[in-house]
Amino acid sequence: MAKYASSERTREAIITATGELVAERGFDNVSIRAIANRSNTNVGSIHYHFGSKEKLFEAVLIYVIDWIWGRYFEGIFDE
């Protein structure tokens, strides 16, 4: 169980770091190495969790959409 929690924290750290860097620099100016440095992980962890830079950016977009949905739209469509 501890391994899963640690893995989830690593994944979240990578997503957070990616979002921060994209906000600061723009999509085209963010490298996997910069993400690894910001998230205190390594390039291998990023590839393990996401497979590619594109899949990582998809995960960031999904995270943001989920956050917006939960913050602004949750419950609107409940009966």
PDB file of N, CA and C in Angstrom:
ATOM      1  N   MET A   1       0.827  -1.198   0.000  1.00  0.00           N
ATOM      2  CA  MET A   1       0.000   0.000   0.000  1.00  0.00           C
ATOM      3  C   MET A   1       0.865   1.254   0.000  1.00  0.00           C
ATOM      4  N   ALA A   2       1.945   1.270   0.750  1.00  0.00           N
ATOM      5  CA  ALA A   2       2.811   2.440   0.799  1.00  0.00           C
ATOM      6  C   ALA A   2       3.403   2.732  -0.574  1.00  0.00           C
ATOM      7  N   LYS A   3       3.690   1.681  -1.330  1.00  0.00           N
ATOM      8  CA  LYS A   3       4.248   1.867  -2.661  1.00  0.00           C
ATOM      9  C   LYS A   3       3.248   2.601  -3.556  1.00  0.00           C
ATOM     10  N   TYR A   4       1.980   2.240  -3.457  1.00  0.00           N
ATOM     11  CA  TYR A   4       0.948   2.905  -4.253  1.00  0.00           C
ATOM     12  C   TYR A   4       0.837   4.376  -3.877  1.00  0.00           C
ATOM     13  N   ALA A   5       0.804   4.689  -2.593  1.00  0.00           N
ATOM     14  CA  ALA A   5       0.685   6.074  -2.145  1.00  0.00           C
ATOM     15  C   ALA A   5       1.876   6.895  -2.627  1.00  0.00           C
ATOM     16  N   SER A   6       3.054   6.327  -2.565  1.00  0.00           N
ATOM     17  CA  SER A   6       4.249   7.019  -3.025  1.00  0.00           C
ATOM     18  C   SER A   6       4.185   7.247  -4.526  1.00  0.00           C
ATOM     19  N   SER A   7       3.725   6.271  -5.254  1.00  0.00           N
ATOM     20  CA  SER A   7       3.602   6.387  -6.700  1.00  0.00           C
ATOM     21  C   SER A   7       2.591   7.469  -7.070  1.00  0.00           C
ATOM     22  N   GLU A   8       1.493   7.534  -6.352  1.00  0.00           N
ATOM     23  CA  GLU A   8       0.477   8.548  -6.610  1.00  0.00           C
ATOM     24  C   GLU A   8       0.997   9.946  -6.287  1.00  0.00           C
ATOM     25  N   ARG A   9       1.771  10.076  -5.222  1.00  0.00           N
ATOM     26  CA  ARG A   9       2.376  11.379  -4.887  1.00  0.00           C
ATOM     27  C   ARG A   9       3.353  11.813  -5.976  1.00  0.00           C
ATOM     28  N   THR A  10       4.124  10.884  -6.489  1.00  0.00           N
ATOM     29  CA  THR A  10       5.057  11.196  -7.568  1.00  0.00           C
ATOM     30  C   THR A  10       4.298  11.662  -8.804  1.00  0.00           C
ATOM     31  N   ARG A  11       3.252  10.955  -9.156  1.00  0.00           N
ATOM     32  CA  ARG A  11       2.430  11.321 -10.318  1.00  0.00           C
ATOM     33  C   ARG A  11       1.849  12.719 -10.143  1.00  0.00           C
ATOM     34  N   GLU A  12       1.321  13.004  -8.972  1.00  0.00           N
ATOM     35  CA  GLU A  12       0.746  14.323  -8.694  1.00  0.00           C
ATOM     36  C   GLU A  12       1.808  15.417  -8.742  1.00  0.00           C
ATOM     37  N   ALA A  13       3.009  15.131  -8.225  1.00  0.00           N
ATOM     38  CA  ALA A  13       4.093  16.111  -8.255  1.00  0.00           C
ATOM     39  C   ALA A  13       4.487  16.433  -9.694  1.00  0.00           C
ATOM     40  N   ILE A  14       4.503  15.428 -10.537  1.00  0.00           N
ATOM     41  CA  ILE A  14       4.851  15.631 -11.947  1.00  0.00           C
ATOM     42  C   ILE A  14       3.779  16.467 -12.644  1.00  0.00           C
ATOM     43  N   ILE A  15       2.523  16.163 -12.396  1.00  0.00           N
ATOM     44  CA  ILE A  15       1.431  16.922 -13.005  1.00  0.00           C
ATOM     45  C   ILE A  15       1.463  18.372 -12.542  1.00  0.00           C
ATOM     46  N   THR A  16       1.663  18.595 -11.253  1.00  0.00           N
ATOM     47  CA  THR A  16       1.728  19.957 -10.715  1.00  0.00           C
ATOM     48  C   THR A  16       2.887  20.736 -11.317  1.00  0.00           C
ATOM     49  N   ALA A  17       4.060  20.120 -11.351  1.00  0.00           N
ATOM     50  CA  ALA A  17       5.237  20.786 -11.913  1.00  0.00           C
ATOM     51  C   ALA A  17       5.028  21.125 -13.380  1.00  0.00           C
ATOM     52  N   THR A  18       4.410  20.213 -14.115  1.00  0.00           N
ATOM     53  CA  THR A  18       4.152  20.456 -15.535  1.00  0.00           C
ATOM     54  C   THR A  18       3.217  21.640 -15.717  1.00  0.00           C
ATOM     55  N   GLY A  19       2.154  21.675 -14.946  1.00  0.00           N
ATOM     56  CA  GLY A  19       1.210  22.786 -15.033  1.00  0.00           C
ATOM     57  C   GLY A  19       1.872  24.124 -14.731  1.00  0.00           C
ATOM     58  N   GLU A  20       2.697  24.149 -13.701  1.00  0.00           N
ATOM     59  CA  GLU A  20       3.405  25.381 -13.338  1.00  0.00           C
ATOM     60  C   GLU A  20       4.322  25.839 -14.470  1.00  0.00           C
ATOM     61  N   LEU A  21       5.086  24.909 -15.001  1.00  0.00           N
ATOM     62  CA  LEU A  21       6.041  25.262 -16.053  1.00  0.00           C
ATOM     63  C   LEU A  21       5.350  25.715 -17.340  1.00  0.00           C
ATOM     64  N   VAL A  22       4.273  25.047 -17.701  1.00  0.00           N
ATOM     65  CA  VAL A  22       3.546  25.448 -18.905  1.00  0.00           C
ATOM     66  C   VAL A  22       2.961  26.848 -18.704  1.00  0.00           C
ATOM     67  N   ALA A  23       2.463  27.135 -17.514  1.00  0.00           N
ATOM     68  CA  ALA A  23       1.932  28.469 -17.237  1.00  0.00           C
ATOM     69  C   ALA A  23       3.024  29.530 -17.321  1.00  0.00           C
ATOM     70  N   GLU A  24       4.226  29.193 -16.893  1.00  0.00           N
ATOM     71  CA  GLU A  24       5.340  30.139 -16.904  1.00  0.00           C
ATOM     72  C   GLU A  24       5.961  30.307 -18.288  1.00  0.00           C
ATOM     73  N   ARG A  25       6.141  29.195 -19.004  1.00  0.00           N
ATOM     74  CA  ARG A  25       6.960  29.205 -20.222  1.00  0.00           C
ATOM     75  C   ARG A  25       6.209  28.935 -21.508  1.00  0.00           C
ATOM     76  N   GLY A  26       5.053  28.323 -21.417  1.00  0.00           N
ATOM     77  CA  GLY A  26       4.344  27.893 -22.619  1.00  0.00           C
ATOM     78  C   GLY A  26       4.695  26.456 -22.960  1.00  0.00           C
ATOM     79  N   PHE A  27       3.773  25.802 -23.616  1.00  0.00           N
ATOM     80  CA  PHE A  27       3.891  24.381 -23.944  1.00  0.00           C
ATOM     81  C   PHE A  27       5.192  24.042 -24.663  1.00  0.00           C
ATOM     82  N   ASP A  28       5.506  24.804 -25.699  1.00  0.00           N
ATOM     83  CA  ASP A  28       6.673  24.481 -26.533  1.00  0.00           C
ATOM     84  C   ASP A  28       8.005  24.696 -25.834  1.00  0.00           C
ATOM     85  N   ASN A  29       8.008  25.430 -24.744  1.00  0.00           N
ATOM     86  CA  ASN A  29       9.257  25.763 -24.054  1.00  0.00           C
ATOM     87  C   ASN A  29       9.487  24.962 -22.780  1.00  0.00           C
ATOM     88  N   VAL A  30       8.756  23.874 -22.612  1.00  0.00           N
ATOM     89  CA  VAL A  30       8.908  23.028 -21.426  1.00  0.00           C
ATOM     90  C   VAL A  30       9.502  21.687 -21.844  1.00  0.00           C
ATOM     91  N   SER A  31      10.597  21.320 -21.219  1.00  0.00           N
ATOM     92  CA  SER A  31      11.235  20.034 -21.512  1.00  0.00           C
ATOM     93  C   SER A  31      10.925  19.022 -20.410  1.00  0.00           C
ATOM     94  N   ILE A  32      11.064  17.762 -20.753  1.00  0.00           N
ATOM     95  CA  ILE A  32      10.898  16.698 -19.764  1.00  0.00           C
ATOM     96  C   ILE A  32      11.916  16.869 -18.636  1.00  0.00           C
ATOM     97  N   ARG A  33      13.124  17.264 -18.977  1.00  0.00           N
ATOM     98  CA  ARG A  33      14.170  17.488 -17.974  1.00  0.00           C
ATOM     99  C   ARG A  33      13.759  18.590 -16.991  1.00  0.00           C
ATOM    100  N   ALA A  34      13.189  19.684 -17.490  1.00  0.00           N
ATOM    101  CA  ALA A  34      12.734  20.773 -16.614  1.00  0.00           C
ATOM    102  C   ALA A  34      11.614  20.295 -15.690  1.00  0.00           C
ATOM    103  N   ILE A  35      10.727  19.473 -16.222  1.00  0.00           N
ATOM    104  CA  ILE A  35       9.643  18.917 -15.403  1.00  0.00           C
ATOM    105  C   ILE A  35      10.213  18.021 -14.311  1.00  0.00           C
ATOM    106  N   ALA A  36      11.171  17.184 -14.677  1.00  0.00           N
ATOM    107  CA  ALA A  36      11.810  16.302 -13.690  1.00  0.00           C
ATOM    108  C   ALA A  36      12.479  17.123 -12.596  1.00  0.00           C
ATOM    109  N   ASN A  37      13.181  18.168 -12.975  1.00  0.00           N
ATOM    110  CA  ASN A  37      13.838  19.012 -11.972  1.00  0.00           C
ATOM    111  C   ASN A  37      12.828  19.678 -11.052  1.00  0.00           C
ATOM    112  N   ARG A  38      11.771  20.240 -11.619  1.00  0.00           N
ATOM    113  CA  ARG A  38      10.768  20.951 -10.817  1.00  0.00           C
ATOM    114  C   ARG A  38      10.026  20.004  -9.878  1.00  0.00           C
ATOM    115  N   SER A  39       9.783  18.785 -10.333  1.00  0.00           N
ATOM    116  CA  SER A  39       9.017  17.830  -9.529  1.00  0.00           C
ATOM    117  C   SER A  39       9.885  16.970  -8.609  1.00  0.00           C
ATOM    118  N   ASN A  40      11.197  17.216  -8.640  1.00  0.00           N
ATOM    119  CA  ASN A  40      12.143  16.414  -7.833  1.00  0.00           C
ATOM    120  C   ASN A  40      12.022  14.924  -8.134  1.00  0.00           C
ATOM    121  N   THR A  41      11.847  14.612  -9.409  1.00  0.00           N
ATOM    122  CA  THR A  41      11.813  13.219  -9.856  1.00  0.00           C
ATOM    123  C   THR A  41      12.863  13.068 -10.943  1.00  0.00           C
ATOM    124  N   ASN A  42      12.766  12.002 -11.705  1.00  0.00           N
ATOM    125  CA  ASN A  42      13.698  11.825 -12.820  1.00  0.00           C
ATOM    126  C   ASN A  42      12.922  11.557 -14.102  1.00  0.00           C
ATOM    127  N   VAL A  43      13.607  11.652 -15.198  1.00  0.00           N
ATOM    128  CA  VAL A  43      12.982  11.471 -16.512  1.00  0.00           C
ATOM    129  C   VAL A  43      12.333  10.091 -16.610  1.00  0.00           C
ATOM    130  N   GLY A  44      12.975   9.087 -16.036  1.00  0.00           N
ATOM    131  CA  GLY A  44      12.412   7.736 -16.062  1.00  0.00           C
ATOM    132  C   GLY A  44      11.058   7.650 -15.382  1.00  0.00           C
ATOM    133  N   SER A  45      10.879   8.376 -14.286  1.00  0.00           N
ATOM    134  CA  SER A  45       9.586   8.390 -13.583  1.00  0.00           C
ATOM    135  C   SER A  45       8.503   8.994 -14.448  1.00  0.00           C
ATOM    136  N   ILE A  46       8.857  10.032 -15.169  1.00  0.00           N
ATOM    137  CA  ILE A  46       7.875  10.672 -16.044  1.00  0.00           C
ATOM    138  C   ILE A  46       7.444   9.706 -17.144  1.00  0.00           C
ATOM    139  N   HIS A  47       8.404   9.032 -17.750  1.00  0.00           N
ATOM    140  CA  HIS A  47       8.065   8.070 -18.799  1.00  0.00           C
ATOM    141  C   HIS A  47       7.312   6.868 -18.238  1.00  0.00           C
ATOM    142  N   TYR A  48       7.637   6.451 -17.016  1.00  0.00           N
ATOM    143  CA  TYR A  48       6.931   5.333 -16.387  1.00  0.00           C
ATOM    144  C   TYR A  48       5.457   5.677 -16.172  1.00  0.00           C
ATOM    145  N   HIS A  49       5.204   6.863 -15.638  1.00  0.00           N
ATOM    146  CA  HIS A  49       3.837   7.249 -15.298  1.00  0.00           C
ATOM    147  C   HIS A  49       3.010   7.702 -16.505  1.00  0.00           C
ATOM    148  N   PHE A  50       3.658   8.288 -17.502  1.00  0.00           N
ATOM    149  CA  PHE A  50       2.904   8.905 -18.588  1.00  0.00           C
ATOM    150  C   PHE A  50       3.259   8.398 -19.985  1.00  0.00           C
ATOM    151  N   GLY A  51       4.432   7.865 -20.179  1.00  0.00           N
ATOM    152  CA  GLY A  51       4.808   7.306 -21.468  1.00  0.00           C
ATOM    153  C   GLY A  51       5.410   8.294 -22.445  1.00  0.00           C
ATOM    154  N   SER A  52       4.906   9.521 -22.439  1.00  0.00           N
ATOM    155  CA  SER A  52       5.422  10.525 -23.365  1.00  0.00           C
ATOM    156  C   SER A  52       5.050  11.911 -22.851  1.00  0.00           C
ATOM    157  N   LYS A  53       5.681  12.909 -23.429  1.00  0.00           N
ATOM    158  CA  LYS A  53       5.379  14.296 -23.075  1.00  0.00           C
ATOM    159  C   LYS A  53       3.921  14.622 -23.436  1.00  0.00           C
ATOM    160  N   GLU A  54       3.470  14.131 -24.557  1.00  0.00           N
ATOM    161  CA  GLU A  54       2.102  14.389 -24.980  1.00  0.00           C
ATOM    162  C   GLU A  54       1.086  13.795 -24.012  1.00  0.00           C
ATOM    163  N   LYS A  55       1.328  12.567 -23.561  1.00  0.00           N
ATOM    164  CA  LYS A  55       0.424  11.932 -22.596  1.00  0.00           C
ATOM    165  C   LYS A  55       0.455  12.671 -21.262  1.00  0.00           C
ATOM    166  N   LEU A  56       1.607  13.186 -20.885  1.00  0.00           N
ATOM    167  CA  LEU A  56       1.711  13.978 -19.661  1.00  0.00           C
ATOM    168  C   LEU A  56       0.868  15.238 -19.788  1.00  0.00           C
ATOM    169  N   PHE A  57       0.952  15.935 -20.901  1.00  0.00           N
ATOM    170  CA  PHE A  57       0.150  17.142 -21.091  1.00  0.00           C
ATOM    171  C   PHE A  57      -1.338  16.825 -21.106  1.00  0.00           C
ATOM    172  N   GLU A  58      -1.708  15.673 -21.648  1.00  0.00           N
ATOM    173  CA  GLU A  58      -3.105  15.242 -21.592  1.00  0.00           C
ATOM    174  C   GLU A  58      -3.550  15.071 -20.141  1.00  0.00           C
ATOM    175  N   ALA A  59      -2.691  14.473 -19.318  1.00  0.00           N
ATOM    176  CA  ALA A  59      -3.012  14.278 -17.904  1.00  0.00           C
ATOM    177  C   ALA A  59      -3.175  15.620 -17.187  1.00  0.00           C
ATOM    178  N   VAL A  60      -2.352  16.593 -17.531  1.00  0.00           N
ATOM    179  CA  VAL A  60      -2.471  17.927 -16.938  1.00  0.00           C
ATOM    180  C   VAL A  60      -3.805  18.552 -17.336  1.00  0.00           C
ATOM    181  N   LEU A  61      -4.165  18.451 -18.604  1.00  0.00           N
ATOM    182  CA  LEU A  61      -5.440  19.008 -19.057  1.00  0.00           C
ATOM    183  C   LEU A  61      -6.621  18.340 -18.362  1.00  0.00           C
ATOM    184  N   ILE A  62      -6.569  17.030 -18.220  1.00  0.00           N
ATOM    185  CA  ILE A  62      -7.636  16.312 -17.518  1.00  0.00           C
ATOM    186  C   ILE A  62      -7.715  16.758 -16.069  1.00  0.00           C
ATOM    187  N   TYR A  63      -6.566  16.939 -15.430  1.00  0.00           N
ATOM    188  CA  TYR A  63      -6.538  17.413 -14.043  1.00  0.00           C
ATOM    189  C   TYR A  63      -7.207  18.781 -13.929  1.00  0.00           C
ATOM    190  N   VAL A  64      -6.866  19.688 -14.823  1.00  0.00           N
ATOM    191  CA  VAL A  64      -7.430  21.038 -14.790  1.00  0.00           C
ATOM    192  C   VAL A  64      -8.934  21.002 -15.049  1.00  0.00           C
ATOM    193  N   ILE A  65      -9.353  20.228 -16.034  1.00  0.00           N
ATOM    194  CA  ILE A  65     -10.782  20.119 -16.333  1.00  0.00           C
ATOM    195  C   ILE A  65     -11.532  19.546 -15.140  1.00  0.00           C
ATOM    196  N   ASP A  66     -10.993  18.505 -14.509  1.00  0.00           N
ATOM    197  CA  ASP A  66     -11.626  17.923 -13.323  1.00  0.00           C
ATOM    198  C   ASP A  66     -11.729  18.943 -12.199  1.00  0.00           C
ATOM    199  N   TRP A  67     -10.684  19.746 -12.017  1.00  0.00           N
ATOM    200  CA  TRP A  67     -10.683  20.762 -10.964  1.00  0.00           C
ATOM    201  C   TRP A  67     -11.755  21.813 -11.244  1.00  0.00           C
ATOM    202  N   ILE A  68     -11.814  22.285 -12.477  1.00  0.00           N
ATOM    203  CA  ILE A  68     -12.821  23.287 -12.844  1.00  0.00           C
ATOM    204  C   ILE A  68     -14.218  22.708 -12.671  1.00  0.00           C
ATOM    205  N   TRP A  69     -14.413  21.489 -13.139  1.00  0.00           N
ATOM    206  CA  TRP A  69     -15.723  20.848 -13.015  1.00  0.00           C
ATOM    207  C   TRP A  69     -16.139  20.759 -11.548  1.00  0.00           C
ATOM    208  N   GLY A  70     -15.225  20.280 -10.707  1.00  0.00           N
ATOM    209  CA  GLY A  70     -15.535  20.136  -9.288  1.00  0.00           C
ATOM    210  C   GLY A  70     -15.786  21.468  -8.602  1.00  0.00           C
ATOM    211  N   ARG A  71     -15.099  22.483  -9.013  1.00  0.00           N
ATOM    212  CA  ARG A  71     -15.217  23.791  -8.363  1.00  0.00           C
ATOM    213  C   ARG A  71     -16.455  24.561  -8.828  1.00  0.00           C
ATOM    214  N   TYR A  72     -16.763  24.496 -10.095  1.00  0.00           N
ATOM    215  CA  TYR A  72     -17.819  25.358 -10.624  1.00  0.00           C
ATOM    216  C   TYR A  72     -19.096  24.655 -11.071  1.00  0.00           C
ATOM    217  N   PHE A  73     -18.995  23.392 -11.442  1.00  0.00           N
ATOM    218  CA  PHE A  73     -20.153  22.737 -12.036  1.00  0.00           C
ATOM    219  C   PHE A  73     -20.693  21.560 -11.235  1.00  0.00           C
ATOM    220  N   GLU A  74     -19.966  21.115 -10.246  1.00  0.00           N
ATOM    221  CA  GLU A  74     -20.411  19.964  -9.456  1.00  0.00           C
ATOM    222  C   GLU A  74     -21.791  20.241  -8.861  1.00  0.00           C
ATOM    223  N   GLY A  75     -22.704  19.355  -9.075  1.00  0.00           N
ATOM    224  CA  GLY A  75     -24.030  19.478  -8.500  1.00  0.00           C
ATOM    225  C   GLY A  75     -25.038  20.230  -9.354  1.00  0.00           C
ATOM    226  N   ILE A  76     -24.596  20.910 -10.391  1.00  0.00           N
ATOM    227  CA  ILE A  76     -25.509  21.682 -11.231  1.00  0.00           C
ATOM    228  C   ILE A  76     -26.518  20.761 -11.907  1.00  0.00           C
ATOM    229  N   PHE A  77     -26.074  19.600 -12.305  1.00  0.00           N
ATOM    230  CA  PHE A  77     -26.951  18.697 -13.057  1.00  0.00           C
ATOM    231  C   PHE A  77     -27.601  17.639 -12.180  1.00  0.00           C
ATOM    232  N   ASP A  78     -27.433  17.741 -10.869  1.00  0.00           N
ATOM    233  CA  ASP A  78     -28.087  16.802  -9.959  1.00  0.00           C
ATOM    234  C   ASP A  78     -29.576  17.135  -9.875  1.00  0.00           C
ATOM    235  N   GLU A  79     -30.356  16.103  -9.710  1.00  0.00           N
ATOM    236  CA  GLU A  79     -31.802  16.327  -9.603  1.00  0.00           C
ATOM    237  C   GLU A  79     -32.203  16.568  -8.169  1.00  0.00           C
TER     238      GLU A  79
END
